């Protein structure tokens, strides 16, 4: 199944992986099978099915950390949101969850930025600013995006009126 997946021969991959997962759920293969199914469904645009497979993981395999799988879940939600704006709330909730769950992560700045971005997309400017204000170390590659988002969230300052204008 893995070889066929790598070669792009997807017609039988799903059935073979489901057979491994459901009929022969060996502990050393279970998480790999769920992750490969999630990869397959993601590739096919079946995002909800991919997320379900990630939910089925039991983390017996040290290859997968909860944070890495949650980040992948966020990537799937972002791709789904790009196709269907109706999943915006789920996407925003995922990155808010990442911020709250992985505060000590080396990737916290990215999680905070993404949480801010999706809060902004939801129309929650105050929440988005809280996320941005919590970013302590801005990675160089993220700085322009953070600056742009902060600019979008800043209330526009009205231009000062010219002296004497409209006071006649």
C-alpha atoms as a PDB file:
ATOM      1  CA  UNK A   1       0.000   0.000   0.000  1.00  0.00           C
ATOM      2  CA  UNK A   2       2.828   2.412   0.855  1.00  0.00           C
ATOM      3  CA  UNK A   3       4.700   1.683  -2.347  1.00  0.00           C
ATOM      4  CA  UNK A   4       1.559   2.220  -4.405  1.00  0.00           C
ATOM      5  CA  UNK A   5       0.911   5.479  -2.537  1.00  0.00           C
ATOM      6  CA  UNK A   6       4.444   6.729  -3.237  1.00  0.00           C
ATOM      7  CA  UNK A   7       4.136   5.761  -6.892  1.00  0.00           C
ATOM      8  CA  UNK A   8       0.805   7.581  -7.123  1.00  0.00           C
ATOM      9  CA  UNK A   9      -1.220   4.462  -7.870  1.00  0.00           C
ATOM     10  CA  UNK A  10      -4.036   5.442  -5.537  1.00  0.00           C
ATOM     11  CA  UNK A  11      -6.851   3.205  -6.757  1.00  0.00           C
ATOM     12  CA  UNK A  12      -6.170   0.352  -4.346  1.00  0.00           C
ATOM     13  CA  UNK A  13      -4.235   2.152  -1.623  1.00  0.00           C
ATOM     14  CA  UNK A  14      -7.244   3.148   0.474  1.00  0.00           C
ATOM     15  CA  UNK A  15      -8.749  -0.337   0.451  1.00  0.00           C
ATOM     16  CA  UNK A  16      -5.423  -1.945   1.362  1.00  0.00           C
ATOM     17  CA  UNK A  17      -4.780   0.513   4.193  1.00  0.00           C
ATOM     18  CA  UNK A  18      -8.277   0.073   5.587  1.00  0.00           C
ATOM     19  CA  UNK A  19      -7.748  -3.675   5.521  1.00  0.00           C
ATOM     20  CA  UNK A  20      -4.562  -3.272   7.573  1.00  0.00           C
ATOM     21  CA  UNK A  21      -6.229  -0.868   9.989  1.00  0.00           C
ATOM     22  CA  UNK A  22      -9.481  -2.769  10.523  1.00  0.00           C
ATOM     23  CA  UNK A  23      -8.537  -6.433  10.129  1.00  0.00           C
ATOM     24  CA  UNK A  24      -4.893  -6.553  11.171  1.00  0.00           C
ATOM     25  CA  UNK A  25      -4.413  -3.661  13.598  1.00  0.00           C
ATOM     26  CA  UNK A  26      -0.852  -4.391  14.655  1.00  0.00           C
ATOM     27  CA  UNK A  27       0.357  -1.868  17.239  1.00  0.00           C
ATOM     28  CA  UNK A  28       3.538  -1.117  15.304  1.00  0.00           C
ATOM     29  CA  UNK A  29       1.548  -0.383  12.121  1.00  0.00           C
ATOM     30  CA  UNK A  30      -1.648   1.211  13.408  1.00  0.00           C
ATOM     31  CA  UNK A  31      -0.497   4.836  13.661  1.00  0.00           C
ATOM     32  CA  UNK A  32       1.457   4.612  10.392  1.00  0.00           C
ATOM     33  CA  UNK A  33      -1.651   3.258   8.699  1.00  0.00           C
ATOM     34  CA  UNK A  34      -3.876   6.032  10.095  1.00  0.00           C
ATOM     35  CA  UNK A  35      -1.341   8.690   9.072  1.00  0.00           C
ATOM     36  CA  UNK A  36      -0.960   7.246   5.582  1.00  0.00           C
ATOM     37  CA  UNK A  37      -4.752   7.160   5.200  1.00  0.00           C
ATOM     38  CA  UNK A  38      -4.860  10.795   6.342  1.00  0.00           C
ATOM     39  CA  UNK A  39      -2.196  11.620   3.726  1.00  0.00           C
ATOM     40  CA  UNK A  40      -4.209   9.833   1.052  1.00  0.00           C
ATOM     41  CA  UNK A  41      -7.468  11.577   1.925  1.00  0.00           C
ATOM     42  CA  UNK A  42      -5.697  14.946   2.103  1.00  0.00           C
ATOM     43  CA  UNK A  43      -4.217  14.362  -1.331  1.00  0.00           C
ATOM     44  CA  UNK A  44      -7.667  13.453  -2.682  1.00  0.00           C
ATOM     45  CA  UNK A  45      -9.309  16.513  -1.104  1.00  0.00           C
ATOM     46  CA  UNK A  46     -11.329  14.383   1.328  1.00  0.00           C
ATOM     47  CA  UNK A  47     -10.330  16.556   4.268  1.00  0.00           C
ATOM     48  CA  UNK A  48     -12.928  15.393   6.762  1.00  0.00           C
ATOM     49  CA  UNK A  49     -11.905  11.764   6.249  1.00  0.00           C
ATOM     50  CA  UNK A  50      -8.252  12.708   6.687  1.00  0.00           C
ATOM     51  CA  UNK A  51      -9.016  14.447   9.968  1.00  0.00           C
ATOM     52  CA  UNK A  52     -10.948  11.410  11.184  1.00  0.00           C
ATOM     53  CA  UNK A  53      -7.925   9.196  10.524  1.00  0.00           C
ATOM     54  CA  UNK A  54      -5.734  11.539  12.564  1.00  0.00           C
ATOM     55  CA  UNK A  55      -8.306  11.342  15.374  1.00  0.00           C
ATOM     56  CA  UNK A  56      -7.979   7.537  15.308  1.00  0.00           C
ATOM     57  CA  UNK A  57      -4.245   7.605  16.015  1.00  0.00           C
ATOM     58  CA  UNK A  58      -3.277   6.158  19.411  1.00  0.00           C
ATOM     59  CA  UNK A  59       0.345   7.394  19.529  1.00  0.00           C
ATOM     60  CA  UNK A  60       1.990   4.055  20.187  1.00  0.00           C
ATOM     61  CA  UNK A  61       4.554   4.816  17.501  1.00  0.00           C
ATOM     62  CA  UNK A  62       7.248   7.230  18.745  1.00  0.00           C
ATOM     63  CA  UNK A  63       7.565   8.504  15.178  1.00  0.00           C
ATOM     64  CA  UNK A  64       4.495  10.701  15.741  1.00  0.00           C
ATOM     65  CA  UNK A  65       4.134  13.375  18.389  1.00  0.00           C
ATOM     66  CA  UNK A  66       0.784  14.861  19.297  1.00  0.00           C
ATOM     67  CA  UNK A  67       2.053  18.308  18.369  1.00  0.00           C
ATOM     68  CA  UNK A  68       3.197  17.201  14.902  1.00  0.00           C
ATOM     69  CA  UNK A  69      -0.128  15.473  14.266  1.00  0.00           C
ATOM     70  CA  UNK A  70      -2.055  18.523  15.507  1.00  0.00           C
ATOM     71  CA  UNK A  71       0.015  20.733  13.217  1.00  0.00           C
ATOM     72  CA  UNK A  72      -0.815  18.409  10.320  1.00  0.00           C
ATOM     73  CA  UNK A  73      -4.473  18.634  11.347  1.00  0.00           C
ATOM     74  CA  UNK A  74      -4.117  22.419  11.087  1.00  0.00           C
ATOM     75  CA  UNK A  75      -2.574  22.113   7.613  1.00  0.00           C
ATOM     76  CA  UNK A  76      -5.472  19.965   6.458  1.00  0.00           C
ATOM     77  CA  UNK A  77      -7.955  22.479   7.862  1.00  0.00           C
ATOM     78  CA  UNK A  78      -6.145  25.327   6.108  1.00  0.00           C
ATOM     79  CA  UNK A  79      -6.344  23.498   2.773  1.00  0.00           C
ATOM     80  CA  UNK A  80     -10.016  22.730   3.379  1.00  0.00           C
ATOM     81  CA  UNK A  81     -10.705  26.358   4.317  1.00  0.00           C
ATOM     82  CA  UNK A  82      -9.072  27.491   1.054  1.00  0.00           C
ATOM     83  CA  UNK A  83     -11.745  25.474  -0.762  1.00  0.00           C
ATOM     84  CA  UNK A  84     -14.644  25.960   1.647  1.00  0.00           C
ATOM     85  CA  UNK A  85     -14.905  29.087   3.826  1.00  0.00           C
ATOM     86  CA  UNK A  86     -17.501  27.298   5.967  1.00  0.00           C
ATOM     87  CA  UNK A  87     -14.674  25.595   7.907  1.00  0.00           C
ATOM     88  CA  UNK A  88     -13.180  28.906   9.056  1.00  0.00           C
ATOM     89  CA  UNK A  89     -14.383  28.427  12.643  1.00  0.00           C
ATOM     90  CA  UNK A  90     -12.851  24.935  12.829  1.00  0.00           C
ATOM     91  CA  UNK A  91      -9.579  26.249  11.453  1.00  0.00           C
ATOM     92  CA  UNK A  92      -9.489  29.163  13.895  1.00  0.00           C
ATOM     93  CA  UNK A  93     -10.343  26.835  16.794  1.00  0.00           C
ATOM     94  CA  UNK A  94      -7.528  24.458  15.812  1.00  0.00           C
ATOM     95  CA  UNK A  95      -4.843  27.136  15.945  1.00  0.00           C
ATOM     96  CA  UNK A  96      -6.259  28.589  19.146  1.00  0.00           C
ATOM     97  CA  UNK A  97      -6.027  25.063  20.576  1.00  0.00           C
ATOM     98  CA  UNK A  98      -2.411  24.830  19.358  1.00  0.00           C
ATOM     99  CA  UNK A  99      -1.553  28.096  21.130  1.00  0.00           C
ATOM    100  CA  UNK A 100      -3.124  26.940  24.390  1.00  0.00           C
ATOM    101  CA  UNK A 101      -1.746  23.399  24.261  1.00  0.00           C
ATOM    102  CA  UNK A 102       1.799  23.944  23.004  1.00  0.00           C
ATOM    103  CA  UNK A 103       2.856  27.178  24.758  1.00  0.00           C
ATOM    104  CA  UNK A 104       6.420  25.905  25.225  1.00  0.00           C
ATOM    105  CA  UNK A 105       6.831  24.795  21.617  1.00  0.00           C
ATOM    106  CA  UNK A 106       9.587  26.194  19.462  1.00  0.00           C
ATOM    107  CA  UNK A 107       6.807  26.840  16.911  1.00  0.00           C
ATOM    108  CA  UNK A 108       4.631  28.952  19.228  1.00  0.00           C
ATOM    109  CA  UNK A 109       5.204  32.124  17.170  1.00  0.00           C
ATOM    110  CA  UNK A 110       3.790  30.408  14.096  1.00  0.00           C
ATOM    111  CA  UNK A 111       0.810  29.086  16.066  1.00  0.00           C
ATOM    112  CA  UNK A 112       0.150  32.554  17.505  1.00  0.00           C
ATOM    113  CA  UNK A 113       0.326  34.136  14.052  1.00  0.00           C
ATOM    114  CA  UNK A 114      -2.033  31.592  12.530  1.00  0.00           C
ATOM    115  CA  UNK A 115      -4.440  31.905  15.468  1.00  0.00           C
ATOM    116  CA  UNK A 116      -4.357  35.694  14.997  1.00  0.00           C
ATOM    117  CA  UNK A 117      -4.914  35.420  11.254  1.00  0.00           C
ATOM    118  CA  UNK A 118      -7.925  33.141  11.557  1.00  0.00           C
ATOM    119  CA  UNK A 119      -9.362  35.214  14.423  1.00  0.00           C
ATOM    120  CA  UNK A 120      -9.024  38.233  12.119  1.00  0.00           C
ATOM    121  CA  UNK A 121     -10.802  36.326   9.323  1.00  0.00           C
ATOM    122  CA  UNK A 122     -13.603  35.585  11.802  1.00  0.00           C
ATOM    123  CA  UNK A 123     -13.899  39.296  12.560  1.00  0.00           C
ATOM    124  CA  UNK A 124     -12.473  38.981  16.071  1.00  0.00           C
ATOM    125  CA  UNK A 125      -9.911  41.800  15.847  1.00  0.00           C
ATOM    126  CA  UNK A 126      -9.385  42.134  19.615  1.00  0.00           C
ATOM    127  CA  UNK A 127      -8.654  38.416  19.943  1.00  0.00           C
ATOM    128  CA  UNK A 128      -6.344  38.546  16.924  1.00  0.00           C
ATOM    129  CA  UNK A 129      -4.366  41.413  18.496  1.00  0.00           C
ATOM    130  CA  UNK A 130      -4.031  39.447  21.747  1.00  0.00           C
ATOM    131  CA  UNK A 131      -2.482  36.573  19.825  1.00  0.00           C
ATOM    132  CA  UNK A 132      -0.100  38.902  17.965  1.00  0.00           C
ATOM    133  CA  UNK A 133       0.879  40.714  21.169  1.00  0.00           C
ATOM    134  CA  UNK A 134       1.837  37.361  22.694  1.00  0.00           C
ATOM    135  CA  UNK A 135       4.475  36.727  20.008  1.00  0.00           C
ATOM    136  CA  UNK A 136       7.781  37.199  21.810  1.00  0.00           C
ATOM    137  CA  UNK A 137      10.315  36.129  19.210  1.00  0.00           C
ATOM    138  CA  UNK A 138       9.360  36.780  15.633  1.00  0.00           C
ATOM    139  CA  UNK A 139      11.000  34.391  13.167  1.00  0.00           C
ATOM    140  CA  UNK A 140      12.527  36.340  10.287  1.00  0.00           C
ATOM    141  CA  UNK A 141      10.387  34.582   7.678  1.00  0.00           C
ATOM    142  CA  UNK A 142       7.209  35.394   9.634  1.00  0.00           C
ATOM    143  CA  UNK A 143       7.970  39.078  10.358  1.00  0.00           C
ATOM    144  CA  UNK A 144       6.433  40.547   7.155  1.00  0.00           C
ATOM    145  CA  UNK A 145       3.222  38.546   7.646  1.00  0.00           C
ATOM    146  CA  UNK A 146       2.927  39.585  11.282  1.00  0.00           C
ATOM    147  CA  UNK A 147       3.561  43.231  10.372  1.00  0.00           C
ATOM    148  CA  UNK A 148       0.928  43.103   7.614  1.00  0.00           C
ATOM    149  CA  UNK A 149      -1.644  41.536   9.893  1.00  0.00           C
ATOM    150  CA  UNK A 150      -0.902  44.016  12.678  1.00  0.00           C
ATOM    151  CA  UNK A 151      -1.389  46.835  10.147  1.00  0.00           C
ATOM    152  CA  UNK A 152      -4.760  45.402   9.101  1.00  0.00           C
ATOM    153  CA  UNK A 153      -5.814  45.221  12.739  1.00  0.00           C
ATOM    154  CA  UNK A 154      -4.692  48.738  13.682  1.00  0.00           C
ATOM    155  CA  UNK A 155      -7.560  51.174  13.833  1.00  0.00           C
ATOM    156  CA  UNK A 156      -7.183  53.741  11.126  1.00  0.00           C
ATOM    157  CA  UNK A 157      -6.154  57.112  12.500  1.00  0.00           C
ATOM    158  CA  UNK A 158      -8.124  59.969  10.942  1.00  0.00           C
ATOM    159  CA  UNK A 159      -6.081  62.638   9.231  1.00  0.00           C
ATOM    160  CA  UNK A 160      -5.954  65.839  11.279  1.00  0.00           C
ATOM    161  CA  UNK A 161      -8.251  68.538   9.955  1.00  0.00           C
ATOM    162  CA  UNK A 162      -6.540  71.513   8.375  1.00  0.00           C
ATOM    163  CA  UNK A 163      -6.672  74.621  10.550  1.00  0.00           C
ATOM    164  CA  UNK A 164      -9.655  76.745   9.688  1.00  0.00           C
ATOM    165  CA  UNK A 165     -11.183  74.169   7.374  1.00  0.00           C
ATOM    166  CA  UNK A 166     -14.939  74.080   7.831  1.00  0.00           C
ATOM    167  CA  UNK A 167     -14.854  76.601  10.682  1.00  0.00           C
ATOM    168  CA  UNK A 168     -15.896  79.662   8.668  1.00  0.00           C
END
